[in-house]
PDB file of all heavy atoms in Angstrom:
ATOM      1  N   ILE A   1       0.795  -1.155   0.020  1.00  0.00           N
ATOM      2  CA  ILE A   1       0.029   0.018  -0.019  1.00  0.00           C
ATOM      3  C   ILE A   1       0.817   1.229   0.010  1.00  0.00           C
ATOM      4  O   ILE A   1       0.646   2.261  -0.732  1.00  0.00           O
ATOM      5  CB  ILE A   1      -0.969  -0.027   1.220  1.00  0.00           C
ATOM      6  CG1 ILE A   1      -1.767  -1.257   1.210  1.00  0.00           C
ATOM      7  CG2 ILE A   1      -1.790   1.275   1.272  1.00  0.00           C
ATOM      8  CD1 ILE A   1      -2.666  -1.418  -0.058  1.00  0.00           C
ATOM      9  N   ILE A   2       1.942   1.260   0.777  1.00  0.00           N
ATOM     10  CA  ILE A   2       2.858   2.365   0.839  1.00  0.00           C
ATOM     11  C   ILE A   2       3.577   2.420  -0.661  1.00  0.00           C
ATOM     12  O   ILE A   2       3.798   3.569  -1.136  1.00  0.00           O
ATOM     13  CB  ILE A   2       3.882   2.270   1.919  1.00  0.00           C
ATOM     14  CG1 ILE A   2       3.228   2.365   3.250  1.00  0.00           C
ATOM     15  CG2 ILE A   2       5.009   3.238   1.762  1.00  0.00           C
ATOM     16  CD1 ILE A   2       4.175   2.144   4.466  1.00  0.00           C
ATOM     17  N   THR A   3       3.973   1.288  -1.162  1.00  0.00           N
ATOM     18  CA  THR A   3       4.494   1.265  -2.380  1.00  0.00           C
ATOM     19  C   THR A   3       3.542   1.871  -3.503  1.00  0.00           C
ATOM     20  O   THR A   3       4.010   2.731  -4.305  1.00  0.00           O
ATOM     21  CB  THR A   3       4.912  -0.114  -2.846  1.00  0.00           C
ATOM     22  OG1 THR A   3       5.711  -0.712  -1.839  1.00  0.00           O
ATOM     23  CG2 THR A   3       5.719  -0.164  -4.108  1.00  0.00           C
ATOM     24  N   GLN A   4       2.347   1.385  -3.477  1.00  0.00           N
ATOM     25  CA  GLN A   4       1.386   1.905  -4.472  1.00  0.00           C
ATOM     26  C   GLN A   4       1.093   3.430  -4.227  1.00  0.00           C
ATOM     27  O   GLN A   4       0.999   4.165  -5.263  1.00  0.00           O
ATOM     28  CB  GLN A   4       0.061   1.062  -4.280  1.00  0.00           C
ATOM     29  CG  GLN A   4       0.162  -0.303  -4.771  1.00  0.00           C
ATOM     30  CD  GLN A   4      -0.941  -1.190  -4.218  1.00  0.00           C
ATOM     31  OE1 GLN A   4      -2.013  -0.731  -3.862  1.00  0.00           O
ATOM     32  NE2 GLN A   4      -0.788  -2.549  -4.263  1.00  0.00           N
ATOM     33  N   SER A   5       1.055   3.792  -2.962  1.00  0.00           N
ATOM     34  CA  SER A   5       0.863   5.251  -2.631  1.00  0.00           C
ATOM     35  C   SER A   5       2.015   6.075  -3.260  1.00  0.00           C
ATOM     36  O   SER A   5       1.767   7.073  -3.897  1.00  0.00           O
ATOM     37  CB  SER A   5       0.793   5.392  -1.176  1.00  0.00           C
ATOM     38  OG  SER A   5       0.565   6.806  -0.888  1.00  0.00           O
ATOM     39  N   ARG A   6       3.189   5.603  -3.027  1.00  0.00           N
ATOM     40  CA  ARG A   6       4.377   6.323  -3.556  1.00  0.00           C
ATOM     41  C   ARG A   6       4.288   6.391  -5.094  1.00  0.00           C
ATOM     42  O   ARG A   6       4.551   7.455  -5.746  1.00  0.00           O
ATOM     43  CB  ARG A   6       5.659   5.722  -3.095  1.00  0.00           C
ATOM     44  CG  ARG A   6       6.939   6.184  -3.792  1.00  0.00           C
ATOM     45  CD  ARG A   6       8.203   5.893  -2.980  1.00  0.00           C
ATOM     46  NE  ARG A   6       8.280   6.710  -1.786  1.00  0.00           N
ATOM     47  CZ  ARG A   6       9.223   6.700  -0.904  1.00  0.00           C
ATOM     48  NH1 ARG A   6      10.163   5.834  -1.132  1.00  0.00           N
ATOM     49  NH2 ARG A   6       9.222   7.453   0.129  1.00  0.00           N
ATOM     50  N   ILE A   7       4.043   5.187  -5.726  1.00  0.00           N
ATOM     51  CA  ILE A   7       3.938   5.276  -7.190  1.00  0.00           C
ATOM     52  C   ILE A   7       2.881   6.291  -7.691  1.00  0.00           C
ATOM     53  O   ILE A   7       3.079   7.073  -8.631  1.00  0.00           O
ATOM     54  CB  ILE A   7       3.739   3.861  -7.724  1.00  0.00           C
ATOM     55  CG1 ILE A   7       4.911   3.003  -7.484  1.00  0.00           C
ATOM     56  CG2 ILE A   7       3.359   3.880  -9.241  1.00  0.00           C
ATOM     57  CD1 ILE A   7       4.664   1.532  -7.819  1.00  0.00           C
ATOM     58  N   TYR A   8       1.692   6.098  -7.085  1.00  0.00           N
ATOM     59  CA  TYR A   8       0.528   7.015  -7.586  1.00  0.00           C
ATOM     60  C   TYR A   8       0.828   8.492  -7.236  1.00  0.00           C
ATOM     61  O   TYR A   8       0.363   9.324  -7.979  1.00  0.00           O
ATOM     62  CB  TYR A   8      -0.786   6.518  -6.956  1.00  0.00           C
ATOM     63  CG  TYR A   8      -1.333   5.358  -7.787  1.00  0.00           C
ATOM     64  CD1 TYR A   8      -1.804   4.224  -7.111  1.00  0.00           C
ATOM     65  CD2 TYR A   8      -1.503   5.583  -9.137  1.00  0.00           C
ATOM     66  CE1 TYR A   8      -2.308   3.154  -7.861  1.00  0.00           C
ATOM     67  CE2 TYR A   8      -2.094   4.424  -9.873  1.00  0.00           C
ATOM     68  CZ  TYR A   8      -2.537   3.314  -9.185  1.00  0.00           C
ATOM     69  OH  TYR A   8      -3.041   2.276  -9.933  1.00  0.00           O
ATOM     70  N   HIS A   9       1.541   8.750  -6.136  1.00  0.00           N
ATOM     71  CA  HIS A   9       1.868  10.182  -5.976  1.00  0.00           C
ATOM     72  C   HIS A   9       2.813  10.739  -6.997  1.00  0.00           C
ATOM     73  O   HIS A   9       2.547  11.813  -7.449  1.00  0.00           O
ATOM     74  CB  HIS A   9       2.453  10.282  -4.525  1.00  0.00           C
ATOM     75  CG  HIS A   9       1.495  10.495  -3.441  1.00  0.00           C
ATOM     76  ND1 HIS A   9       0.739   9.431  -2.971  1.00  0.00           N
ATOM     77  CD2 HIS A   9       1.099  11.501  -2.717  1.00  0.00           C
ATOM     78  CE1 HIS A   9      -0.145   9.814  -1.971  1.00  0.00           C
ATOM     79  NE2 HIS A   9       0.097  11.148  -1.806  1.00  0.00           N
ATOM     80  N   TYR A  10       3.766   9.940  -7.325  1.00  0.00           N
ATOM     81  CA  TYR A  10       4.730  10.458  -8.358  1.00  0.00           C
ATOM     82  C   TYR A  10       4.095  10.326  -9.775  1.00  0.00           C
ATOM     83  O   TYR A  10       4.446  11.147 -10.613  1.00  0.00           O
ATOM     84  CB  TYR A  10       5.991   9.736  -8.201  1.00  0.00           C
ATOM     85  CG  TYR A  10       6.784  10.291  -7.053  1.00  0.00           C
ATOM     86  CD1 TYR A  10       6.763   9.673  -5.791  1.00  0.00           C
ATOM     87  CD2 TYR A  10       7.530  11.518  -7.150  1.00  0.00           C
ATOM     88  CE1 TYR A  10       7.334  10.222  -4.762  1.00  0.00           C
ATOM     89  CE2 TYR A  10       8.169  12.002  -6.050  1.00  0.00           C
ATOM     90  CZ  TYR A  10       8.084  11.394  -4.805  1.00  0.00           C
ATOM     91  OH  TYR A  10       8.729  11.922  -3.740  1.00  0.00           O
ATOM     92  N   PHE A  11       3.195   9.364  -9.963  1.00  0.00           N
ATOM     93  CA  PHE A  11       2.390   9.276 -11.125  1.00  0.00           C
ATOM     94  C   PHE A  11       1.642  10.623 -11.334  1.00  0.00           C
ATOM     95  O   PHE A  11       1.569  11.162 -12.389  1.00  0.00           O
ATOM     96  CB  PHE A  11       1.516   8.061 -11.117  1.00  0.00           C
ATOM     97  CG  PHE A  11       0.506   7.814 -12.298  1.00  0.00           C
ATOM     98  CD1 PHE A  11       1.061   7.535 -13.498  1.00  0.00           C
ATOM     99  CD2 PHE A  11      -0.791   7.944 -12.111  1.00  0.00           C
ATOM    100  CE1 PHE A  11       0.188   7.317 -14.596  1.00  0.00           C
ATOM    101  CE2 PHE A  11      -1.605   7.729 -13.126  1.00  0.00           C
ATOM    102  CZ  PHE A  11      -1.181   7.464 -14.371  1.00  0.00           C
ATOM    103  N   TYR A  12       0.977  11.007 -10.231  1.00  0.00           N
ATOM    104  CA  TYR A  12       0.146  12.171 -10.297  1.00  0.00           C
ATOM    105  C   TYR A  12       1.017  13.466 -10.442  1.00  0.00           C
ATOM    106  O   TYR A  12       0.639  14.458 -11.016  1.00  0.00           O
ATOM    107  CB  TYR A  12      -0.608  12.352  -9.013  1.00  0.00           C
ATOM    108  CG  TYR A  12      -1.988  13.037  -9.070  1.00  0.00           C
ATOM    109  CD1 TYR A  12      -3.018  12.354  -9.696  1.00  0.00           C
ATOM    110  CD2 TYR A  12      -2.176  14.274  -8.653  1.00  0.00           C
ATOM    111  CE1 TYR A  12      -4.282  12.988  -9.836  1.00  0.00           C
ATOM    112  CE2 TYR A  12      -3.387  14.904  -8.764  1.00  0.00           C
ATOM    113  CZ  TYR A  12      -4.396  14.274  -9.306  1.00  0.00           C
ATOM    114  OH  TYR A  12      -5.701  14.822  -9.437  1.00  0.00           O
ATOM    115  N   LEU A  13       2.243  13.409  -9.917  1.00  0.00           N
ATOM    116  CA  LEU A  13       3.324  14.431 -10.106  1.00  0.00           C
ATOM    117  C   LEU A  13       3.550  14.592 -11.614  1.00  0.00           C
ATOM    118  O   LEU A  13       3.582  15.774 -12.123  1.00  0.00           O
ATOM    119  CB  LEU A  13       4.527  14.168  -9.314  1.00  0.00           C
ATOM    120  CG  LEU A  13       5.658  15.174  -9.413  1.00  0.00           C
ATOM    121  CD1 LEU A  13       5.265  16.504  -8.777  1.00  0.00           C
ATOM    122  CD2 LEU A  13       6.914  14.601  -8.865  1.00  0.00           C
ATOM    123  N   PHE A  14       3.775  13.479 -12.314  1.00  0.00           N
ATOM    124  CA  PHE A  14       4.048  13.487 -13.788  1.00  0.00           C
ATOM    125  C   PHE A  14       2.785  14.100 -14.469  1.00  0.00           C
ATOM    126  O   PHE A  14       2.933  14.890 -15.306  1.00  0.00           O
ATOM    127  CB  PHE A  14       4.352  12.074 -14.211  1.00  0.00           C
ATOM    128  CG  PHE A  14       5.810  11.823 -14.238  1.00  0.00           C
ATOM    129  CD1 PHE A  14       6.457  11.646 -12.937  1.00  0.00           C
ATOM    130  CD2 PHE A  14       6.515  11.546 -15.312  1.00  0.00           C
ATOM    131  CE1 PHE A  14       7.786  11.285 -12.927  1.00  0.00           C
ATOM    132  CE2 PHE A  14       7.877  11.165 -15.324  1.00  0.00           C
ATOM    133  CZ  PHE A  14       8.511  10.997 -14.061  1.00  0.00           C
ATOM    134  N   ILE A  15       1.654  13.745 -13.976  1.00  0.00           N
ATOM    135  CA  ILE A  15       0.419  14.269 -14.630  1.00  0.00           C
ATOM    136  C   ILE A  15       0.374  15.824 -14.529  1.00  0.00           C
ATOM    137  O   ILE A  15       0.083  16.521 -15.524  1.00  0.00           O
ATOM    138  CB  ILE A  15      -0.863  13.746 -13.918  1.00  0.00           C
ATOM    139  CG1 ILE A  15      -1.037  12.285 -14.213  1.00  0.00           C
ATOM    140  CG2 ILE A  15      -2.093  14.532 -14.226  1.00  0.00           C
ATOM    141  CD1 ILE A  15      -2.167  11.499 -13.488  1.00  0.00           C
ATOM    142  N   ASN A  16       0.761  16.307 -13.357  1.00  0.00           N
ATOM    143  CA  ASN A  16       0.630  17.755 -13.210  1.00  0.00           C
ATOM    144  C   ASN A  16       1.757  18.466 -13.722  1.00  0.00           C
ATOM    145  O   ASN A  16       1.689  19.676 -14.154  1.00  0.00           O
ATOM    146  CB  ASN A  16       0.508  18.082 -11.705  1.00  0.00           C
ATOM    147  CG  ASN A  16      -0.932  17.747 -11.291  1.00  0.00           C
ATOM    148  OD1 ASN A  16      -1.827  18.586 -11.416  1.00  0.00           O
ATOM    149  ND2 ASN A  16      -1.079  16.517 -10.692  1.00  0.00           N
ATOM    150  N   ILE A  17       2.919  17.800 -13.944  1.00  0.00           N
ATOM    151  CA  ILE A  17       4.018  18.529 -14.777  1.00  0.00           C
ATOM    152  C   ILE A  17       3.582  18.662 -16.237  1.00  0.00           C
ATOM    153  O   ILE A  17       3.720  19.696 -16.838  1.00  0.00           O
ATOM    154  CB  ILE A  17       5.347  17.717 -14.656  1.00  0.00           C
ATOM    155  CG1 ILE A  17       5.959  17.678 -13.263  1.00  0.00           C
ATOM    156  CG2 ILE A  17       6.387  18.174 -15.651  1.00  0.00           C
ATOM    157  CD1 ILE A  17       7.105  16.756 -12.997  1.00  0.00           C
ATOM    158  N   GLY A  18       2.934  17.587 -16.768  1.00  0.00           N
ATOM    159  CA  GLY A  18       2.368  17.667 -18.069  1.00  0.00           C
ATOM    160  C   GLY A  18       1.268  18.757 -18.143  1.00  0.00           C
ATOM    161  O   GLY A  18       1.228  19.461 -19.197  1.00  0.00           O
ATOM    162  N   ALA A  19       0.401  18.773 -17.156  1.00  0.00           N
ATOM    163  CA  ALA A  19      -0.691  19.719 -17.227  1.00  0.00           C
ATOM    164  C   ALA A  19      -0.211  21.154 -17.096  1.00  0.00           C
ATOM    165  O   ALA A  19      -0.644  22.021 -17.777  1.00  0.00           O
ATOM    166  CB  ALA A  19      -1.628  19.387 -16.022  1.00  0.00           C
ATOM    167  N   LEU A  20       0.820  21.334 -16.184  1.00  0.00           N
ATOM    168  CA  LEU A  20       1.367  22.615 -15.937  1.00  0.00           C
ATOM    169  C   LEU A  20       2.023  23.263 -17.348  1.00  0.00           C
ATOM    170  O   LEU A  20       1.758  24.328 -17.640  1.00  0.00           O
ATOM    171  CB  LEU A  20       2.287  22.735 -14.820  1.00  0.00           C
ATOM    172  CG  LEU A  20       2.979  24.044 -14.498  1.00  0.00           C
ATOM    173  CD1 LEU A  20       1.971  24.992 -13.913  1.00  0.00           C
ATOM    174  CD2 LEU A  20       4.148  23.893 -13.454  1.00  0.00           C
ATOM    175  N   VAL A  21       2.883  22.430 -17.813  1.00  0.00           N
ATOM    176  CA  VAL A  21       3.638  22.810 -19.090  1.00  0.00           C
ATOM    177  C   VAL A  21       2.539  23.040 -20.202  1.00  0.00           C
ATOM    178  O   VAL A  21       2.619  24.038 -20.917  1.00  0.00           O
ATOM    179  CB  VAL A  21       4.688  21.769 -19.454  1.00  0.00           C
ATOM    180  CG1 VAL A  21       5.298  22.224 -20.846  1.00  0.00           C
ATOM    181  CG2 VAL A  21       5.765  21.758 -18.363  1.00  0.00           C
ATOM    182  N   GLY A  22       1.682  22.095 -20.306  1.00  0.00           N
ATOM    183  CA  GLY A  22       0.714  22.176 -21.352  1.00  0.00           C
ATOM    184  C   GLY A  22      -0.212  23.365 -21.200  1.00  0.00           C
ATOM    185  O   GLY A  22      -0.463  24.137 -22.188  1.00  0.00           O
ATOM    186  N   GLN A  23      -0.683  23.699 -20.005  1.00  0.00           N
ATOM    187  CA  GLN A  23      -1.625  24.700 -19.898  1.00  0.00           C
ATOM    188  C   GLN A  23      -0.991  26.131 -20.012  1.00  0.00           C
ATOM    189  O   GLN A  23      -1.540  27.030 -20.637  1.00  0.00           O
ATOM    190  CB  GLN A  23      -2.323  24.620 -18.442  1.00  0.00           C
ATOM    191  CG  GLN A  23      -3.256  23.418 -18.426  1.00  0.00           C
ATOM    192  CD  GLN A  23      -3.998  23.263 -17.076  1.00  0.00           C
ATOM    193  OE1 GLN A  23      -4.947  22.580 -16.981  1.00  0.00           O
ATOM    194  NE2 GLN A  23      -3.462  23.820 -15.982  1.00  0.00           N
ATOM    195  N   ILE A  24       0.172  26.267 -19.410  1.00  0.00           N
ATOM    196  CA  ILE A  24       0.926  27.577 -19.508  1.00  0.00           C
ATOM    197  C   ILE A  24       1.248  27.824 -20.930  1.00  0.00           C
ATOM    198  O   ILE A  24       1.048  28.898 -21.464  1.00  0.00           O
ATOM    199  CB  ILE A  24       2.147  27.622 -18.571  1.00  0.00           C
ATOM    200  CG1 ILE A  24       1.691  27.588 -17.075  1.00  0.00           C
ATOM    201  CG2 ILE A  24       2.959  28.826 -18.884  1.00  0.00           C
ATOM    202  CD1 ILE A  24       2.848  27.668 -16.114  1.00  0.00           C
ATOM    203  N   GLY A  25       1.942  26.841 -21.581  1.00  0.00           N
ATOM    204  CA  GLY A  25       2.294  27.065 -22.996  1.00  0.00           C
ATOM    205  C   GLY A  25       1.124  27.338 -23.963  1.00  0.00           C
ATOM    206  O   GLY A  25       1.181  28.263 -24.780  1.00  0.00           O
ATOM    207  N   MET A  26      -0.018  26.560 -23.671  1.00  0.00           N
ATOM    208  CA  MET A  26      -1.141  26.644 -24.596  1.00  0.00           C
ATOM    209  C   MET A  26      -1.910  28.016 -24.538  1.00  0.00           C
ATOM    210  O   MET A  26      -2.352  28.524 -25.492  1.00  0.00           O
ATOM    211  CB  MET A  26      -2.058  25.515 -24.515  1.00  0.00           C
ATOM    212  CG  MET A  26      -1.371  24.164 -24.779  1.00  0.00           C
ATOM    213  SD  MET A  26      -0.224  24.223 -26.235  1.00  0.00           S
ATOM    214  CE  MET A  26       1.296  24.175 -25.361  1.00  0.00           C
ATOM    215  N   VAL A  27      -2.027  28.471 -23.247  1.00  0.00           N
ATOM    216  CA  VAL A  27      -2.692  29.759 -23.064  1.00  0.00           C
ATOM    217  C   VAL A  27      -1.941  30.951 -23.683  1.00  0.00           C
ATOM    218  O   VAL A  27      -2.604  31.953 -24.210  1.00  0.00           O
ATOM    219  CB  VAL A  27      -3.064  30.101 -21.602  1.00  0.00           C
ATOM    220  CG1 VAL A  27      -4.032  28.933 -21.106  1.00  0.00           C
ATOM    221  CG2 VAL A  27      -1.942  30.114 -20.691  1.00  0.00           C
ATOM    222  N   TYR A  28      -0.610  30.945 -23.609  1.00  0.00           N
ATOM    223  CA  TYR A  28       0.103  31.969 -24.186  1.00  0.00           C
ATOM    224  C   TYR A  28       0.109  31.804 -25.774  1.00  0.00           C
ATOM    225  O   TYR A  28       0.041  32.868 -26.383  1.00  0.00           O
ATOM    226  CB  TYR A  28       1.516  31.969 -23.667  1.00  0.00           C
ATOM    227  CG  TYR A  28       1.660  32.730 -22.314  1.00  0.00           C
ATOM    228  CD1 TYR A  28       1.716  32.090 -21.112  1.00  0.00           C
ATOM    229  CD2 TYR A  28       1.739  34.159 -22.273  1.00  0.00           C
ATOM    230  CE1 TYR A  28       1.708  32.708 -19.981  1.00  0.00           C
ATOM    231  CE2 TYR A  28       1.780  34.840 -21.096  1.00  0.00           C
ATOM    232  CZ  TYR A  28       1.741  34.056 -19.844  1.00  0.00           C
ATOM    233  OH  TYR A  28       1.799  34.728 -18.725  1.00  0.00           O
TER     234      TYR A  28
END
């Protein structure tokens, strides 16, 4: 459970890196 939690936290981190770069770049 801790392993899965760590993976999903960093999985979500990757999601939000993609979202952040995509959203900032696309609105400009």
